[in-house]
Amino acid sequence: MGTSTGAYYLRLYRHPLVVQLSDAPALLSQLPMAQLQQAQRLLRHSGRLAAVLGSSPVQPSWLDQALSFTRTTDPALRSGLLATRLRATYTPLASAPLVLYTLRLGEEFMLNVEYVLLVLPPATLAAEEVLDQLQPTEESHYNP
């Protein structure tokens, strides 16, 4: 029994991600999106999630939104989450081969950019296919 408890301790409490985030909580905001769910799970099971969130600039609502973004494949929901995070408004553009969204960025956005076109293609679509489908056609109109 002691051996299994020791192995559990080593796997959970000494996991490199738990140790890294416990030592430097601000790194949570720099993790790749794909690692956020694992980080939250490990920190929650080790009892360190509240301490890491309390010591980092990451708010619990930010983490929840980021995890919602990674868990869904619905482009409309993902666009809404991204727009909320950027304090932008978004509008779907129905005339494109892929579903595009116009994100209108507010004046407080750090770059002098009024709007961006956002596409959230299915993960099964290769990058070359996405680029091919984004080529303007005579019937596509990207007028924000």
N, C-alpha and C. Protein backbone atom coordinates (compact mmCIF):
# COMPACT_ATOMS: atom_id res chain seq x y z
N MET A 1 0.83 -1.20 0.00
CA MET A 1 0.00 0.00 0.00
C MET A 1 0.87 1.25 0.00
N GLY A 2 1.94 1.28 0.80
CA GLY A 2 2.82 2.43 0.84
C GLY A 2 3.49 2.70 -0.48
N THR A 3 3.81 1.67 -1.22
CA THR A 3 4.44 1.83 -2.52
C THR A 3 3.50 2.51 -3.51
N SER A 4 2.21 2.10 -3.49
CA SER A 4 1.26 2.71 -4.42
C SER A 4 0.98 4.16 -4.04
N THR A 5 0.97 4.44 -2.73
CA THR A 5 0.78 5.82 -2.29
C THR A 5 1.97 6.68 -2.70
N GLY A 6 3.15 6.14 -2.55
CA GLY A 6 4.36 6.87 -2.96
C GLY A 6 4.38 7.12 -4.46
N ALA A 7 3.96 6.13 -5.22
CA ALA A 7 3.92 6.29 -6.68
C ALA A 7 2.89 7.34 -7.07
N TYR A 8 1.74 7.35 -6.38
CA TYR A 8 0.71 8.35 -6.65
C TYR A 8 1.25 9.75 -6.35
N TYR A 9 1.93 9.88 -5.19
CA TYR A 9 2.52 11.16 -4.81
C TYR A 9 3.50 11.64 -5.88
N LEU A 10 4.37 10.76 -6.33
CA LEU A 10 5.35 11.15 -7.34
C LEU A 10 4.69 11.54 -8.65
N ARG A 11 3.68 10.80 -9.04
CA ARG A 11 3.01 11.09 -10.31
C ARG A 11 2.19 12.37 -10.25
N LEU A 12 1.60 12.67 -9.12
CA LEU A 12 0.73 13.84 -9.03
C LEU A 12 1.45 15.07 -8.49
N TYR A 13 1.93 14.99 -7.29
CA TYR A 13 2.50 16.17 -6.63
C TYR A 13 3.85 16.58 -7.20
N ARG A 14 4.60 15.65 -7.76
CA ARG A 14 5.90 15.98 -8.33
C ARG A 14 5.84 16.01 -9.86
N HIS A 15 4.64 16.00 -10.41
CA HIS A 15 4.50 16.10 -11.87
C HIS A 15 5.16 17.42 -12.28
N PRO A 16 5.95 17.40 -13.36
CA PRO A 16 6.65 18.62 -13.77
C PRO A 16 5.74 19.84 -13.95
N LEU A 17 4.54 19.63 -14.44
CA LEU A 17 3.63 20.75 -14.65
C LEU A 17 3.14 21.31 -13.31
N VAL A 18 2.85 20.45 -12.35
CA VAL A 18 2.42 20.90 -11.03
C VAL A 18 3.55 21.67 -10.34
N VAL A 19 4.74 21.13 -10.40
CA VAL A 19 5.90 21.78 -9.78
C VAL A 19 6.16 23.14 -10.44
N GLN A 20 6.15 23.16 -11.77
CA GLN A 20 6.43 24.40 -12.51
C GLN A 20 5.40 25.48 -12.18
N LEU A 21 4.12 25.13 -12.19
CA LEU A 21 3.08 26.13 -11.94
C LEU A 21 3.00 26.51 -10.47
N SER A 22 3.36 25.61 -9.58
CA SER A 22 3.40 25.95 -8.16
C SER A 22 4.53 26.94 -7.88
N ASP A 23 5.65 26.76 -8.56
CA ASP A 23 6.80 27.66 -8.38
C ASP A 23 6.61 29.00 -9.09
N ALA A 24 5.96 28.98 -10.24
CA ALA A 24 5.78 30.20 -11.03
C ALA A 24 4.35 30.24 -11.59
N PRO A 25 3.37 30.62 -10.76
CA PRO A 25 1.97 30.60 -11.17
C PRO A 25 1.66 31.44 -12.41
N ALA A 26 2.43 32.48 -12.67
CA ALA A 26 2.17 33.34 -13.84
C ALA A 26 2.34 32.57 -15.15
N LEU A 27 3.06 31.45 -15.12
CA LEU A 27 3.25 30.66 -16.34
C LEU A 27 1.96 30.01 -16.83
N LEU A 28 0.94 29.96 -15.99
CA LEU A 28 -0.34 29.39 -16.40
C LEU A 28 -0.90 30.10 -17.63
N SER A 29 -0.73 31.40 -17.68
CA SER A 29 -1.25 32.16 -18.83
C SER A 29 -0.45 31.94 -20.10
N GLN A 30 0.71 31.33 -19.99
CA GLN A 30 1.57 31.10 -21.15
C GLN A 30 1.51 29.65 -21.65
N LEU A 31 0.75 28.81 -20.98
CA LEU A 31 0.66 27.42 -21.41
C LEU A 31 -0.07 27.32 -22.74
N PRO A 32 0.33 26.38 -23.57
CA PRO A 32 -0.45 26.13 -24.79
C PRO A 32 -1.87 25.69 -24.43
N MET A 33 -2.82 26.05 -25.26
CA MET A 33 -4.22 25.71 -25.01
C MET A 33 -4.39 24.22 -24.75
N ALA A 34 -3.64 23.41 -25.46
CA ALA A 34 -3.78 21.96 -25.33
C ALA A 34 -3.37 21.46 -23.94
N GLN A 35 -2.59 22.22 -23.20
CA GLN A 35 -2.12 21.81 -21.88
C GLN A 35 -2.97 22.35 -20.74
N LEU A 36 -3.88 23.27 -21.02
CA LEU A 36 -4.65 23.90 -19.94
C LEU A 36 -5.52 22.90 -19.18
N GLN A 37 -6.19 22.02 -19.90
CA GLN A 37 -7.06 21.06 -19.24
C GLN A 37 -6.26 20.13 -18.33
N GLN A 38 -5.12 19.66 -18.80
CA GLN A 38 -4.25 18.82 -17.99
C GLN A 38 -3.76 19.58 -16.75
N ALA A 39 -3.38 20.83 -16.94
CA ALA A 39 -2.90 21.64 -15.82
C ALA A 39 -3.99 21.83 -14.78
N GLN A 40 -5.20 22.14 -15.23
CA GLN A 40 -6.29 22.33 -14.28
C GLN A 40 -6.57 21.03 -13.51
N ARG A 41 -6.61 19.92 -14.22
CA ARG A 41 -6.88 18.63 -13.58
C ARG A 41 -5.81 18.29 -12.54
N LEU A 42 -4.54 18.41 -12.93
CA LEU A 42 -3.45 18.10 -12.01
C LEU A 42 -3.45 19.02 -10.79
N LEU A 43 -3.65 20.31 -11.03
CA LEU A 43 -3.65 21.26 -9.91
C LEU A 43 -4.85 21.04 -8.99
N ARG A 44 -5.99 20.71 -9.57
CA ARG A 44 -7.18 20.44 -8.75
C ARG A 44 -6.96 19.20 -7.89
N HIS A 45 -6.46 18.11 -8.49
CA HIS A 45 -6.24 16.87 -7.74
C HIS A 45 -5.14 17.00 -6.69
N SER A 46 -4.19 17.86 -6.94
CA SER A 46 -3.12 18.05 -5.95
C SER A 46 -3.49 19.09 -4.91
N GLY A 47 -4.65 19.73 -5.05
CA GLY A 47 -5.08 20.74 -4.10
C GLY A 47 -4.37 22.06 -4.26
N ARG A 48 -3.76 22.29 -5.41
CA ARG A 48 -2.98 23.52 -5.61
C ARG A 48 -3.63 24.51 -6.58
N LEU A 49 -4.79 24.18 -7.11
CA LEU A 49 -5.42 25.05 -8.11
C LEU A 49 -5.72 26.43 -7.53
N ALA A 50 -6.36 26.48 -6.37
CA ALA A 50 -6.71 27.77 -5.77
C ALA A 50 -5.47 28.61 -5.47
N ALA A 51 -4.42 27.97 -4.98
CA ALA A 51 -3.19 28.70 -4.66
C ALA A 51 -2.54 29.25 -5.92
N VAL A 52 -2.50 28.45 -6.98
CA VAL A 52 -1.89 28.91 -8.24
C VAL A 52 -2.70 30.05 -8.82
N LEU A 53 -4.03 29.90 -8.86
CA LEU A 53 -4.87 30.98 -9.40
C LEU A 53 -4.79 32.23 -8.53
N GLY A 54 -4.67 32.06 -7.24
CA GLY A 54 -4.56 33.21 -6.33
C GLY A 54 -3.24 33.95 -6.47
N SER A 55 -2.21 33.28 -6.95
CA SER A 55 -0.89 33.90 -7.08
C SER A 55 -0.54 34.29 -8.51
N SER A 56 -1.45 34.06 -9.43
CA SER A 56 -1.16 34.38 -10.83
C SER A 56 -2.11 35.46 -11.32
N PRO A 57 -1.76 36.10 -12.42
CA PRO A 57 -2.67 37.10 -12.99
C PRO A 57 -3.90 36.47 -13.66
N VAL A 58 -3.93 35.15 -13.75
CA VAL A 58 -5.04 34.45 -14.39
C VAL A 58 -6.23 34.40 -13.44
N GLN A 59 -7.35 34.89 -13.93
CA GLN A 59 -8.58 34.83 -13.17
C GLN A 59 -9.27 33.49 -13.43
N PRO A 60 -10.00 32.95 -12.46
CA PRO A 60 -10.71 31.70 -12.70
C PRO A 60 -11.64 31.76 -13.91
N SER A 61 -12.26 32.91 -14.15
CA SER A 61 -13.16 33.03 -15.31
C SER A 61 -12.38 32.90 -16.62
N TRP A 62 -11.14 33.42 -16.65
CA TRP A 62 -10.31 33.29 -17.85
C TRP A 62 -10.02 31.82 -18.11
N LEU A 63 -9.66 31.10 -17.07
CA LEU A 63 -9.35 29.67 -17.21
C LEU A 63 -10.59 28.91 -17.69
N ASP A 64 -11.74 29.23 -17.11
CA ASP A 64 -12.99 28.56 -17.52
C ASP A 64 -13.29 28.84 -18.99
N GLN A 65 -13.12 30.09 -19.43
CA GLN A 65 -13.37 30.43 -20.83
C GLN A 65 -12.39 29.72 -21.76
N ALA A 66 -11.13 29.69 -21.38
CA ALA A 66 -10.12 29.02 -22.20
C ALA A 66 -10.42 27.53 -22.31
N LEU A 67 -10.84 26.92 -21.21
CA LEU A 67 -11.17 25.50 -21.25
C LEU A 67 -12.42 25.24 -22.06
N SER A 68 -13.40 26.14 -21.98
CA SER A 68 -14.60 26.00 -22.82
C SER A 68 -14.22 26.08 -24.29
N PHE A 69 -13.29 26.97 -24.61
CA PHE A 69 -12.85 27.12 -25.99
C PHE A 69 -12.22 25.82 -26.49
N THR A 70 -11.41 25.17 -25.66
CA THR A 70 -10.73 23.95 -26.10
C THR A 70 -11.67 22.76 -26.15
N ARG A 71 -12.74 22.78 -25.38
CA ARG A 71 -13.65 21.63 -25.31
C ARG A 71 -14.70 21.61 -26.41
N THR A 72 -14.95 22.71 -27.05
CA THR A 72 -16.00 22.76 -28.07
C THR A 72 -15.41 22.85 -29.47
N THR A 73 -16.13 22.30 -30.42
CA THR A 73 -15.73 22.44 -31.82
C THR A 73 -16.71 23.33 -32.57
N ASP A 74 -17.73 23.83 -31.89
CA ASP A 74 -18.74 24.67 -32.52
C ASP A 74 -18.14 26.04 -32.85
N PRO A 75 -18.04 26.37 -34.14
CA PRO A 75 -17.40 27.65 -34.52
C PRO A 75 -18.10 28.87 -33.94
N ALA A 76 -19.42 28.85 -33.85
CA ALA A 76 -20.13 30.01 -33.31
C ALA A 76 -19.80 30.22 -31.84
N LEU A 77 -19.77 29.14 -31.07
CA LEU A 77 -19.43 29.25 -29.66
C LEU A 77 -17.98 29.68 -29.47
N ARG A 78 -17.09 29.11 -30.26
CA ARG A 78 -15.67 29.47 -30.16
C ARG A 78 -15.47 30.95 -30.53
N SER A 79 -16.16 31.41 -31.57
CA SER A 79 -16.05 32.81 -31.97
C SER A 79 -16.56 33.73 -30.88
N GLY A 80 -17.66 33.34 -30.25
CA GLY A 80 -18.21 34.14 -29.15
C GLY A 80 -17.26 34.22 -27.97
N LEU A 81 -16.65 33.09 -27.63
CA LEU A 81 -15.68 33.08 -26.53
C LEU A 81 -14.47 33.95 -26.85
N LEU A 82 -13.99 33.85 -28.08
CA LEU A 82 -12.83 34.66 -28.48
C LEU A 82 -13.20 36.14 -28.50
N ALA A 83 -14.38 36.46 -29.01
CA ALA A 83 -14.81 37.86 -29.04
C ALA A 83 -14.94 38.42 -27.63
N THR A 84 -15.47 37.62 -26.72
CA THR A 84 -15.58 38.06 -25.32
C THR A 84 -14.22 38.33 -24.74
N ARG A 85 -13.27 37.44 -24.99
CA ARG A 85 -11.92 37.61 -24.46
C ARG A 85 -11.25 38.86 -25.01
N LEU A 86 -11.50 39.16 -26.29
CA LEU A 86 -10.87 40.32 -26.93
C LEU A 86 -11.70 41.59 -26.79
N ARG A 87 -12.85 41.48 -26.11
CA ARG A 87 -13.79 42.60 -25.98
C ARG A 87 -14.17 43.14 -27.36
N ALA A 88 -14.53 42.20 -28.22
CA ALA A 88 -14.89 42.52 -29.60
C ALA A 88 -16.33 42.09 -29.85
N THR A 89 -16.85 42.53 -30.95
CA THR A 89 -18.14 42.03 -31.41
C THR A 89 -17.87 41.16 -32.63
N TYR A 90 -18.74 40.21 -32.89
CA TYR A 90 -18.51 39.33 -34.03
C TYR A 90 -19.78 39.13 -34.83
N THR A 91 -19.58 38.96 -36.12
CA THR A 91 -20.68 38.76 -37.05
C THR A 91 -20.31 37.64 -38.01
N PRO A 92 -21.18 36.65 -38.18
CA PRO A 92 -20.87 35.59 -39.16
C PRO A 92 -21.01 36.11 -40.59
N LEU A 93 -20.15 35.63 -41.45
CA LEU A 93 -20.23 35.94 -42.88
C LEU A 93 -20.64 34.64 -43.58
N ALA A 94 -21.85 34.61 -44.11
CA ALA A 94 -22.40 33.36 -44.65
C ALA A 94 -21.97 33.09 -46.09
N SER A 95 -21.35 34.05 -46.75
CA SER A 95 -21.08 33.87 -48.18
C SER A 95 -19.77 33.16 -48.48
N ALA A 96 -19.02 32.79 -47.50
CA ALA A 96 -17.71 32.17 -47.72
C ALA A 96 -17.85 30.64 -47.76
N PRO A 97 -16.90 29.96 -48.43
CA PRO A 97 -16.93 28.50 -48.42
C PRO A 97 -16.80 27.93 -47.00
N LEU A 98 -15.97 28.53 -46.18
CA LEU A 98 -15.89 28.19 -44.76
C LEU A 98 -16.63 29.27 -43.99
N VAL A 99 -17.11 28.92 -42.83
CA VAL A 99 -17.81 29.93 -42.03
C VAL A 99 -16.76 30.91 -41.50
N LEU A 100 -16.92 32.15 -41.87
CA LEU A 100 -16.03 33.23 -41.44
C LEU A 100 -16.79 34.14 -40.48
N TYR A 101 -16.04 34.78 -39.64
CA TYR A 101 -16.60 35.77 -38.72
C TYR A 101 -15.78 37.04 -38.84
N THR A 102 -16.45 38.15 -38.74
CA THR A 102 -15.77 39.43 -38.64
C THR A 102 -15.73 39.78 -37.16
N LEU A 103 -14.53 39.96 -36.64
CA LEU A 103 -14.37 40.42 -35.27
C LEU A 103 -14.04 41.90 -35.32
N ARG A 104 -14.92 42.73 -34.78
CA ARG A 104 -14.66 44.16 -34.68
C ARG A 104 -14.02 44.41 -33.32
N LEU A 105 -12.81 44.91 -33.37
CA LEU A 105 -12.04 45.12 -32.15
C LEU A 105 -12.29 46.53 -31.61
N GLY A 106 -12.32 46.65 -30.31
CA GLY A 106 -12.55 47.94 -29.68
C GLY A 106 -11.33 48.82 -29.74
N GLU A 107 -11.51 50.07 -29.37
CA GLU A 107 -10.39 51.03 -29.39
C GLU A 107 -9.33 50.70 -28.35
N GLU A 108 -9.70 49.92 -27.31
CA GLU A 108 -8.73 49.56 -26.29
C GLU A 108 -7.84 48.40 -26.72
N PHE A 109 -8.11 47.82 -27.89
CA PHE A 109 -7.27 46.73 -28.39
C PHE A 109 -5.86 47.27 -28.63
N MET A 110 -4.85 46.49 -28.27
CA MET A 110 -3.46 46.98 -28.26
C MET A 110 -2.88 47.29 -29.63
N LEU A 111 -3.49 46.82 -30.70
CA LEU A 111 -3.01 47.12 -32.05
C LEU A 111 -4.00 48.03 -32.75
N ASN A 112 -3.53 48.79 -33.69
CA ASN A 112 -4.39 49.68 -34.44
C ASN A 112 -5.06 48.88 -35.57
N VAL A 113 -5.96 48.00 -35.17
CA VAL A 113 -6.67 47.13 -36.10
C VAL A 113 -8.15 47.27 -35.80
N GLU A 114 -8.92 47.60 -36.82
CA GLU A 114 -10.35 47.79 -36.62
C GLU A 114 -11.10 46.45 -36.58
N TYR A 115 -10.73 45.56 -37.49
CA TYR A 115 -11.41 44.27 -37.53
C TYR A 115 -10.47 43.21 -38.08
N VAL A 116 -10.82 41.96 -37.82
CA VAL A 116 -10.10 40.82 -38.39
C VAL A 116 -11.14 39.82 -38.89
N LEU A 117 -10.73 39.03 -39.86
CA LEU A 117 -11.56 37.93 -40.32
C LEU A 117 -11.10 36.68 -39.58
N LEU A 118 -12.03 35.97 -39.02
CA LEU A 118 -11.73 34.78 -38.23
C LEU A 118 -12.36 33.57 -38.90
N VAL A 119 -11.57 32.53 -39.07
CA VAL A 119 -12.08 31.25 -39.54
C VAL A 119 -11.65 30.18 -38.55
N LEU A 120 -12.57 29.33 -38.17
CA LEU A 120 -12.29 28.23 -37.26
C LEU A 120 -12.66 26.94 -37.99
N PRO A 121 -11.76 26.45 -38.83
CA PRO A 121 -12.07 25.27 -39.65
C PRO A 121 -12.11 24.00 -38.81
N PRO A 122 -12.76 22.98 -39.32
CA PRO A 122 -12.72 21.69 -38.61
C PRO A 122 -11.29 21.18 -38.53
N ALA A 123 -10.97 20.48 -37.45
CA ALA A 123 -9.62 19.96 -37.25
C ALA A 123 -9.24 18.95 -38.33
N THR A 124 -10.23 18.36 -38.98
CA THR A 124 -9.96 17.35 -40.01
C THR A 124 -9.52 17.97 -41.33
N LEU A 125 -9.66 19.27 -41.47
CA LEU A 125 -9.30 19.95 -42.71
C LEU A 125 -7.83 20.36 -42.67
N ALA A 126 -7.09 19.94 -43.66
CA ALA A 126 -5.66 20.27 -43.74
C ALA A 126 -5.48 21.76 -43.99
N ALA A 127 -4.36 22.29 -43.57
CA ALA A 127 -4.08 23.73 -43.71
C ALA A 127 -4.17 24.16 -45.17
N GLU A 128 -3.67 23.35 -46.09
CA GLU A 128 -3.72 23.71 -47.51
C GLU A 128 -5.16 23.81 -48.00
N GLU A 129 -6.03 22.91 -47.51
CA GLU A 129 -7.44 22.95 -47.90
C GLU A 129 -8.11 24.21 -47.36
N VAL A 130 -7.76 24.59 -46.15
CA VAL A 130 -8.33 25.81 -45.57
C VAL A 130 -7.92 27.01 -46.41
N LEU A 131 -6.64 27.11 -46.75
CA LEU A 131 -6.17 28.23 -47.56
C LEU A 131 -6.82 28.25 -48.94
N ASP A 132 -6.98 27.07 -49.53
CA ASP A 132 -7.65 27.00 -50.83
C ASP A 132 -9.09 27.50 -50.74
N GLN A 133 -9.78 27.11 -49.67
CA GLN A 133 -11.18 27.52 -49.52
C GLN A 133 -11.32 28.99 -49.15
N LEU A 134 -10.27 29.59 -48.65
CA LEU A 134 -10.32 31.00 -48.29
C LEU A 134 -10.02 31.94 -49.46
N GLN A 135 -9.60 31.37 -50.58
CA GLN A 135 -9.31 32.21 -51.74
C GLN A 135 -10.60 32.91 -52.16
N PRO A 136 -10.53 34.21 -52.38
CA PRO A 136 -11.75 34.95 -52.76
C PRO A 136 -12.31 34.45 -54.09
N THR A 137 -13.61 34.37 -54.13
CA THR A 137 -14.31 34.05 -55.37
C THR A 137 -15.15 35.25 -55.74
N GLU A 138 -15.73 35.21 -56.94
CA GLU A 138 -16.54 36.36 -57.36
C GLU A 138 -17.77 36.55 -56.48
N GLU A 139 -18.30 35.46 -55.92
CA GLU A 139 -19.49 35.62 -55.10
C GLU A 139 -19.19 35.86 -53.63
N SER A 140 -17.93 35.78 -53.22
CA SER A 140 -17.62 36.04 -51.81
C SER A 140 -17.36 37.53 -51.61
N HIS A 141 -17.92 38.01 -50.55
CA HIS A 141 -17.77 39.44 -50.22
C HIS A 141 -17.40 39.54 -48.76
N TYR A 142 -16.22 40.06 -48.49
CA TYR A 142 -15.75 40.23 -47.13
C TYR A 142 -15.85 41.70 -46.76
N ASN A 143 -17.03 42.20 -46.70
CA ASN A 143 -17.24 43.60 -46.33
C ASN A 143 -17.66 43.68 -44.89
N PRO A 144 -16.77 44.04 -44.04
CA PRO A 144 -17.13 44.14 -42.63
C PRO A 144 -18.01 45.33 -42.46
